[in-house]
Protein backbone atom coordinates (compact mmCIF):
# COMPACT_ATOMS: atom_id res chain seq x y z
CA MET A 1 0.00 0.00 0.00
CA LYS A 2 1.40 3.38 -1.03
CA GLU A 3 2.02 5.72 1.90
CA SER A 4 0.15 9.05 1.82
CA ALA A 5 2.10 12.16 0.82
CA VAL A 6 0.39 14.07 3.64
CA ASP A 7 2.88 15.02 6.35
CA TRP A 8 1.28 13.44 9.39
CA SER A 9 4.39 13.20 11.59
CA PRO A 10 5.06 15.35 14.66
CA ALA A 11 7.44 18.29 14.38
CA ALA A 12 9.11 17.55 17.72
CA SER A 13 11.57 14.69 18.10
CA ILE A 14 10.87 11.81 20.47
CA GLY A 15 13.68 13.19 22.63
CA LEU A 16 11.85 16.52 22.96
CA LEU A 17 8.60 14.67 23.63
CA LYS A 18 10.27 12.98 26.60
CA ALA A 19 11.92 16.23 27.72
CA ARG A 20 8.52 17.96 27.87
CA ALA A 21 7.08 15.12 29.95
CA ARG A 22 10.07 15.34 32.30
CA ILE A 23 9.68 19.12 32.72
CA ASN A 24 5.94 18.75 33.41
CA GLU A 25 6.73 16.14 36.07
CA GLN A 26 9.34 18.44 37.64
CA ILE A 27 6.89 21.35 37.70
CA ARG A 28 4.28 19.27 39.49
CA ALA A 29 6.83 17.93 41.96
CA PHE A 30 8.08 21.48 42.67
CA PHE A 31 4.62 22.75 43.59
CA SER A 32 3.67 19.59 45.45
CA GLU A 33 6.71 20.08 47.71
CA LYS A 34 5.57 23.65 48.41
CA GLY A 35 1.93 22.77 49.07
CA VAL A 36 0.58 24.67 46.06
CA LEU A 37 -2.67 23.19 44.77
CA GLU A 38 -3.08 22.20 41.12
CA VAL A 39 -6.40 23.43 39.67
CA GLU A 40 -8.33 23.44 36.40
CA THR A 41 -10.41 26.28 34.98
CA PRO A 42 -12.42 26.57 31.74
CA LEU A 43 -10.61 27.53 28.56
CA LEU A 44 -13.84 28.48 26.77
CA CYS A 45 -15.48 31.48 28.46
CA ASN A 46 -17.96 34.27 27.74
CA ALA A 47 -15.41 37.02 28.46
CA THR A 48 -11.75 37.49 27.67
CA ALA A 49 -8.75 39.78 28.14
CA THR A 50 -9.32 43.38 27.05
CA ASP A 51 -5.58 44.08 26.69
CA PRO A 52 -5.21 45.92 23.33
CA ASN A 53 -1.97 44.06 22.62
CA ILE A 54 -3.61 40.63 22.80
CA GLU A 55 -6.16 39.20 20.37
CA SER A 56 -8.48 36.39 21.43
CA ILE A 57 -9.83 33.56 19.30
CA ALA A 58 -13.62 33.55 19.20
CA ALA A 59 -15.70 30.37 19.08
CA HIS A 60 -19.41 29.96 18.39
CA TYR A 61 -21.36 27.77 20.77
CA ARG A 62 -24.83 26.63 19.67
CA GLU A 63 -27.59 25.46 21.99
CA GLY A 64 -30.81 24.82 20.09
CA SER A 65 -31.38 27.84 17.86
CA THR A 66 -29.26 30.12 20.06
CA ILE A 67 -25.68 30.85 19.07
CA GLU A 68 -23.37 32.45 21.62
CA THR A 69 -19.88 33.83 21.12
CA ARG A 70 -17.31 32.39 23.50
CA TYR A 71 -13.58 32.96 23.69
CA LEU A 72 -10.64 30.61 24.00
CA GLN A 73 -8.70 32.01 26.92
CA THR A 74 -5.44 33.86 26.39
CA SER A 75 -4.54 32.88 29.98
CA PRO A 76 -6.35 31.15 32.86
CA GLU A 77 -5.81 34.31 34.96
CA PHE A 78 -9.38 35.53 35.40
CA ALA A 79 -10.86 32.20 36.49
CA MET A 80 -7.92 31.46 38.79
CA LYS A 81 -8.43 34.79 40.52
CA ARG A 82 -12.03 33.82 41.16
CA LEU A 83 -10.71 30.70 42.91
CA LEU A 84 -8.39 32.87 45.02
CA ALA A 85 -11.35 35.02 46.05
CA ALA A 86 -13.21 31.85 47.03
CA GLY A 87 -10.41 30.92 49.45
CA SER A 88 -8.40 28.40 47.43
CA GLY A 89 -5.05 29.46 48.86
CA PRO A 90 -1.92 29.14 46.67
CA ILE A 91 -2.73 27.54 43.30
CA TYR A 92 -1.13 26.66 39.97
CA GLN A 93 -2.30 25.42 36.59
CA LEU A 94 -0.62 23.77 33.59
CA CYS A 95 -2.84 24.30 30.58
CA LYS A 96 -3.21 25.39 26.98
CA ALA A 97 -3.75 29.05 26.14
CA PHE A 98 -4.72 30.64 22.81
CA ARG A 99 -3.89 33.93 21.09
CA ASN A 100 -4.94 35.09 17.67
CA ALA A 101 -2.50 36.40 15.03
CA GLU A 102 0.54 35.01 16.87
CA HIS A 103 2.57 32.66 14.70
CA GLY A 104 6.33 32.71 14.23
CA ARG A 105 9.68 31.55 15.54
CA ARG A 106 8.63 32.08 19.17
CA HIS A 107 4.85 32.14 18.85
CA ASN A 108 2.13 29.60 18.14
CA PRO A 109 -1.59 30.42 18.43
CA GLU A 110 -2.01 27.45 20.81
CA PHE A 111 0.66 27.13 23.48
CA SER A 112 1.34 25.69 26.93
CA MET A 113 1.21 27.97 29.95
CA LEU A 114 2.11 27.55 33.60
CA GLU A 115 0.37 30.07 35.84
CA TRP A 116 0.46 30.31 39.61
CA TYR A 117 -0.65 32.60 42.44
CA ARG A 118 0.79 33.09 45.90
CA PRO A 119 -1.40 34.97 48.41
CA GLY A 120 0.81 36.99 50.75
CA PHE A 121 3.86 36.94 48.46
CA THR A 122 5.71 40.10 47.50
CA LEU A 123 6.92 40.61 43.95
CA GLU A 124 10.46 39.89 45.14
CA GLN A 125 9.39 36.57 46.69
CA MET A 126 7.70 35.62 43.43
CA MET A 127 10.88 36.39 41.49
CA ASP A 128 12.76 34.17 43.96
CA GLU A 129 10.34 31.30 43.34
CA VAL A 130 10.39 31.69 39.55
CA GLU A 131 14.18 31.62 39.64
CA SER A 132 14.22 28.55 41.88
CA LEU A 133 11.87 26.67 39.54
CA LEU A 134 13.85 27.55 36.40
CA ILE A 135 17.16 26.61 37.99
CA ARG A 136 15.64 23.18 38.56
CA ILE A 137 13.87 22.59 35.24
CA ALA A 138 15.92 24.61 32.75
CA GLY A 139 19.34 24.97 34.36
CA ILE A 140 19.44 28.77 34.33
CA LYS A 141 21.91 30.67 36.47
CA PRO A 142 20.64 33.12 39.12
CA ALA A 143 19.13 36.06 37.25
CA ARG A 144 20.16 39.69 37.41
CA ARG A 145 17.41 42.08 38.59
CA ILE A 146 17.04 45.53 37.10
CA THR A 147 14.29 48.13 36.83
CA TYR A 148 12.80 49.02 33.46
CA ARG A 149 14.23 52.52 33.90
CA ARG A 150 17.80 51.32 34.62
CA LEU A 151 17.60 48.94 31.65
CA PHE A 152 16.77 51.78 29.23
CA GLU A 153 19.44 53.98 30.76
CA GLU A 154 22.02 51.21 30.43
CA TYR A 155 21.29 50.28 26.81
CA LEU A 156 19.86 53.47 25.28
CA ASP A 157 20.95 56.22 27.69
CA VAL A 158 17.38 57.45 28.09
CA ASN A 159 14.95 57.59 31.01
CA PRO A 160 11.74 55.94 29.75
CA HIS A 161 9.64 57.71 32.40
CA THR A 162 10.69 61.27 31.59
CA ALA A 163 12.04 61.34 28.02
CA PRO A 164 9.78 63.42 25.69
CA ASP A 165 7.84 61.49 23.06
CA LYS A 166 9.81 63.39 20.42
CA ALA A 167 13.08 62.00 21.78
CA LEU A 168 11.72 58.46 21.84
CA ARG A 169 10.43 58.83 18.29
CA ARG A 170 13.83 60.10 17.17
CA LEU A 171 15.49 57.01 18.68
CA VAL A 172 13.05 54.77 16.84
CA VAL A 173 13.59 56.49 13.49
CA THR A 174 17.37 56.65 13.87
CA ASN A 175 18.01 53.14 15.16
CA LEU A 176 15.29 51.15 13.45
CA ASP A 177 15.07 52.97 10.12
CA PHE A 178 11.39 53.19 10.92
CA ALA A 179 9.35 56.24 9.93
CA SER A 180 7.09 56.62 12.95
CA ASP A 181 4.38 59.22 13.40
CA ASP A 182 2.76 57.12 16.13
CA ASN A 183 1.90 59.22 19.16
CA GLU A 184 1.39 56.30 21.53
CA ARG A 185 4.27 56.50 23.96
CA ASP A 186 4.07 52.85 24.98
CA VAL A 187 4.26 51.76 21.34
CA LEU A 188 7.50 53.72 20.95
CA LEU A 189 8.93 52.22 24.14
CA GLU A 190 7.97 48.72 23.04
CA LEU A 191 9.63 49.20 19.65
CA LEU A 192 12.84 50.32 21.34
CA TYR A 193 12.74 47.52 23.88
CA SER A 194 11.84 44.66 21.53
CA HIS A 195 14.31 45.63 18.79
CA LEU A 196 17.25 47.19 20.62
CA ILE A 197 17.26 45.73 24.14
CA GLU A 198 15.54 42.35 24.43
CA PRO A 199 17.66 40.56 21.77
CA ARG A 200 20.77 41.52 23.77
CA LEU A 201 19.49 39.93 26.99
CA GLN A 202 21.00 36.47 26.65
CA GLU A 203 21.66 35.74 30.33
CA ALA A 204 18.56 35.51 32.54
CA VAL A 205 17.35 38.87 33.83
CA PHE A 206 14.30 40.03 35.78
CA ILE A 207 13.06 43.41 34.53
CA HIS A 208 10.71 45.04 37.03
CA ASP A 209 8.88 48.28 37.80
CA TYR A 210 7.40 49.12 34.40
CA PRO A 211 5.86 52.51 33.54
CA ALA A 212 2.45 52.85 35.19
CA SER A 213 0.83 52.92 31.73
CA GLN A 214 2.10 49.34 31.26
CA ALA A 215 0.85 48.06 34.60
CA ALA A 216 -1.71 45.70 32.98
CA LEU A 217 -3.30 44.05 36.06
CA ALA A 218 -0.54 44.91 38.52
CA ARG A 219 -0.67 47.44 41.36
CA VAL A 220 0.68 50.93 40.70
CA LEU A 221 2.86 52.72 43.26
CA CYS A 222 5.88 54.98 43.58
CA ASN A 223 9.14 53.01 43.77
CA THR A 224 12.43 53.85 45.50
CA ASP A 225 13.61 55.83 42.45
CA GLY A 226 10.56 58.07 42.76
CA ASP A 227 8.95 56.70 39.59
CA LEU A 228 5.25 55.85 39.38
CA VAL A 229 5.38 52.25 38.25
CA GLY A 230 3.39 49.11 37.64
CA ARG A 231 4.70 46.56 40.12
CA ARG A 232 5.32 43.76 37.68
CA PHE A 233 8.26 41.89 36.19
CA GLU A 234 9.27 39.99 33.11
CA LEU A 235 11.93 37.30 33.09
CA VAL A 236 13.96 37.30 29.88
CA ALA A 237 16.64 34.82 28.79
CA ALA A 238 18.14 33.99 25.40
CA GLY A 239 16.54 37.20 24.13
CA MET A 240 12.96 36.06 24.81
CA GLU A 241 10.36 36.58 27.50
CA LEU A 242 9.78 33.50 29.64
CA ALA A 243 7.54 34.78 32.44
CA ASN A 244 5.40 37.78 33.36
CA GLY A 245 4.54 38.40 37.01
CA TYR A 246 2.40 40.91 38.94
CA ASP A 247 1.94 42.30 42.40
CA GLU A 248 -1.74 41.66 41.82
CA LEU A 249 -4.33 44.43 41.60
CA CYS A 250 -7.15 43.67 44.04
CA ASP A 251 -9.26 46.84 43.71
CA PRO A 252 -12.42 46.16 41.64
CA ALA A 253 -13.03 49.85 40.87
CA GLU A 254 -9.49 50.26 39.56
CA LEU A 255 -9.81 47.07 37.52
CA ALA A 256 -13.05 48.29 35.95
CA GLN A 257 -11.31 51.55 35.04
CA ARG A 258 -8.45 49.66 33.40
CA PHE A 259 -10.92 47.58 31.41
CA ALA A 260 -12.50 50.84 30.19
CA THR A 261 -9.09 52.28 29.28
CA ASP A 262 -8.21 49.11 27.36
CA GLN A 263 -11.49 49.30 25.44
CA ALA A 264 -10.84 52.94 24.52
CA VAL A 265 -7.41 52.03 23.16
CA ARG A 266 -8.89 49.11 21.24
CA VAL A 267 -11.46 51.39 19.63
CA SER A 268 -8.77 53.97 18.75
CA ARG A 269 -6.79 51.24 16.98
CA GLY A 270 -9.80 49.90 15.12
CA LEU A 271 -9.86 46.67 17.14
CA ALA A 272 -12.90 44.76 18.33
CA ARG A 273 -14.29 45.46 21.81
CA TYR A 274 -14.30 42.35 23.97
CA PRO A 275 -16.83 41.63 26.71
CA GLU A 276 -15.43 42.43 30.15
CA ASP A 277 -15.33 39.75 32.81
CA THR A 278 -18.02 40.88 35.26
CA ARG A 279 -17.55 37.68 37.29
CA LEU A 280 -13.94 38.64 37.96
CA LEU A 281 -15.06 42.11 39.08
CA ALA A 282 -17.61 40.52 41.41
CA ALA A 283 -14.93 38.21 42.82
CA LEU A 284 -12.71 41.21 43.60
CA GLU A 285 -15.65 42.96 45.24
CA HIS A 286 -16.07 39.88 47.43
CA GLY A 287 -12.36 40.13 48.27
CA MET A 288 -9.27 38.63 46.65
CA PRO A 289 -6.23 38.23 48.93
CA GLU A 290 -3.23 40.42 48.17
CA GLY A 291 -0.26 38.61 46.72
CA ALA A 292 1.68 37.91 43.56
CA GLY A 293 1.05 35.83 40.45
CA VAL A 294 3.00 34.83 37.37
CA ALA A 295 2.45 33.27 33.95
CA MET A 296 5.23 31.29 32.28
CA GLY A 297 5.49 30.00 28.71
CA VAL A 298 6.31 26.31 29.05
CA ASP A 299 7.19 25.86 25.37
CA ARG A 300 9.79 28.64 25.63
CA VAL A 301 11.21 27.12 28.82
CA LEU A 302 11.60 23.86 26.90
CA MET A 303 13.30 25.76 24.07
CA LEU A 304 15.74 27.22 26.58
CA ALA A 305 16.40 23.92 28.34
CA MET A 306 16.99 22.05 25.08
CA LYS A 307 18.83 24.92 23.34
CA VAL A 308 16.30 25.04 20.51
CA ASP A 309 15.73 28.31 18.63
CA SER A 310 12.22 27.73 17.25
CA ILE A 311 8.99 27.00 19.10
CA GLN A 312 7.90 24.85 16.15
CA ALA A 313 10.65 22.36 17.03
CA VAL A 314 9.29 21.70 20.54
CA LEU A 315 5.62 21.36 19.60
CA ASN A 316 4.33 17.97 18.49
CA PHE A 317 1.85 19.52 16.08
CA PRO A 318 2.37 23.27 15.58
CA HIS A 319 -0.15 25.49 13.80
CA ASP A 320 0.71 24.33 10.27
CA ARG A 321 0.39 20.64 11.23
CA ALA A 322 -2.50 20.80 13.70
């Protein structure tokens, strides 16, 4: 019998298949030792992230003659926070997450995420725990810690909190050969960071205290440098983001305001408005314990551990073979 010409085989080697299983086992053992509870939450929900930099994948659920729009979750964050408000204590989840229009050397629209929450933890304690986990499962060395401001001063000799938009735009045009008339300050900062700084961060580094406008769902406060910042961090190694952590926002009124701000930005960019998660707002009104949380890209951790440069090589069936 003639074998089909259709490429049915997995993209990842059997060795990488076993490496992923080993890392998943190590993750579960790590949290079991620390008494952190593994949980499951729905991946198909009626609301989704409003972040203007993230696009969700919509699905259509039919019950009888009624068709409802649901969304594949970009992260299990919202549902996990509802568990925290219900008194779950420290929790983690290993699951799939989904993001639209993300496909490339380090992106796949369906990917594996590890997310965990630690009531009572400071951001510094969460960085400690992330580092401890990655030393165990990926063999990283202890990571340098630096504020977003110091990082920009070190690599670009500019203070990202105080530099005029005109100066940032000039850096973009000069260094990236990019004609920018974009007035969004955070877009300019992201262009500078992603093109001129992040690729140079080969050794593991925690970047923390982002501009308040980039707080996402982290608390905002004034840090020791006198900057108004979002108390969050990103862990970068081999020039790619591995984890994103927050000193979690627990104020429902502030969260509702951030949802509204996100929606305004989405409209200004011609993007679709997404339904806001009213159940999350209600959970925060009930009371979510203060603490820290973090999301980690498991596929990228596997890339780092196995010294692989493309996410496609560590996925059994990436987007073009799914």
